[in-house]
């Protein structure tokens, strides 16, 4: 068995270096765009070659489509496909590393079957964990946007009440923000840039709605598009009603996060309790 694990280890290493020589500089321009955004980029050329050769994107379309939907939410329609491809390459690279590690550690452990089985389990489970982390990133981004949106709506109400147009109110909201790196203000900044480039206002707002992919943003953009030409009282009433709903959702999100934080503290408290019980009870046990 040790010979078999040795052959498998050398086979993976040999295939990797053989494909590295074959692929050359074919994917350098693609990888350069994502430098620093994904781990294991040094393995990306081989992984991308395997994706193209075995047509993984086409054959696993159902599973890949779910990843791409998350990428659309995180990065928008324009670069979602490229991010999806690089993410799948990252998954392939991770699987190759896990397989190599499984065979190598099993070989070093003189063919221990337990290490081999555990390694295969890790190889199967890690891609699912990575995809679930991606879903958590999407969820966290949506929660941040929903947390920031009520403040933006309130600023627009105040500025429109003061006599500003909706377009100028949006520009002031973005230029006066304290955190320009937050997800909502990144999207709003892109929206403002499009407006400054003389793109139609309704198209810009529709693009914002599609890019964020959140129901509340769609309601926000629809409310503005239906009322911004009328302005005045009708727009203020519509935005105030929306603001009230958004603040309620913000309270719900804050409450949920508080409950999640308290539930995460339960396990450490149990460990501390067990440790205290051992410290207190150990002298009594030794005396007996």
Foldseek 3Di string as FASTA:
>chain_A
DLVVLVVVLVVLVVVQVVLCVVLDCVCVVLLVVCPPPAPPSVSLSSLLVVCVVVVVCVVPVVVLVVQLVLLLQVPNDPCSVSVSSSVSSNLVSLLSVLSSVQSVVCSVVVNPVVSNVVSVVCSVCVVVVVVVVSVVVSVVLLLQLLLCVLVLLVQLLVVLVVPDASLVSLVCSLVPDPDCPRNNSVLSVVLNVVVVVVDDNLVSLVRSCSSNVDPLSVLVSVLCVVCRVVGDPSSSVSSVVSSVVSVVVNVVSVVVVVVVVVVVVPVVVVVVVVVVCCVVCVVVVVVD
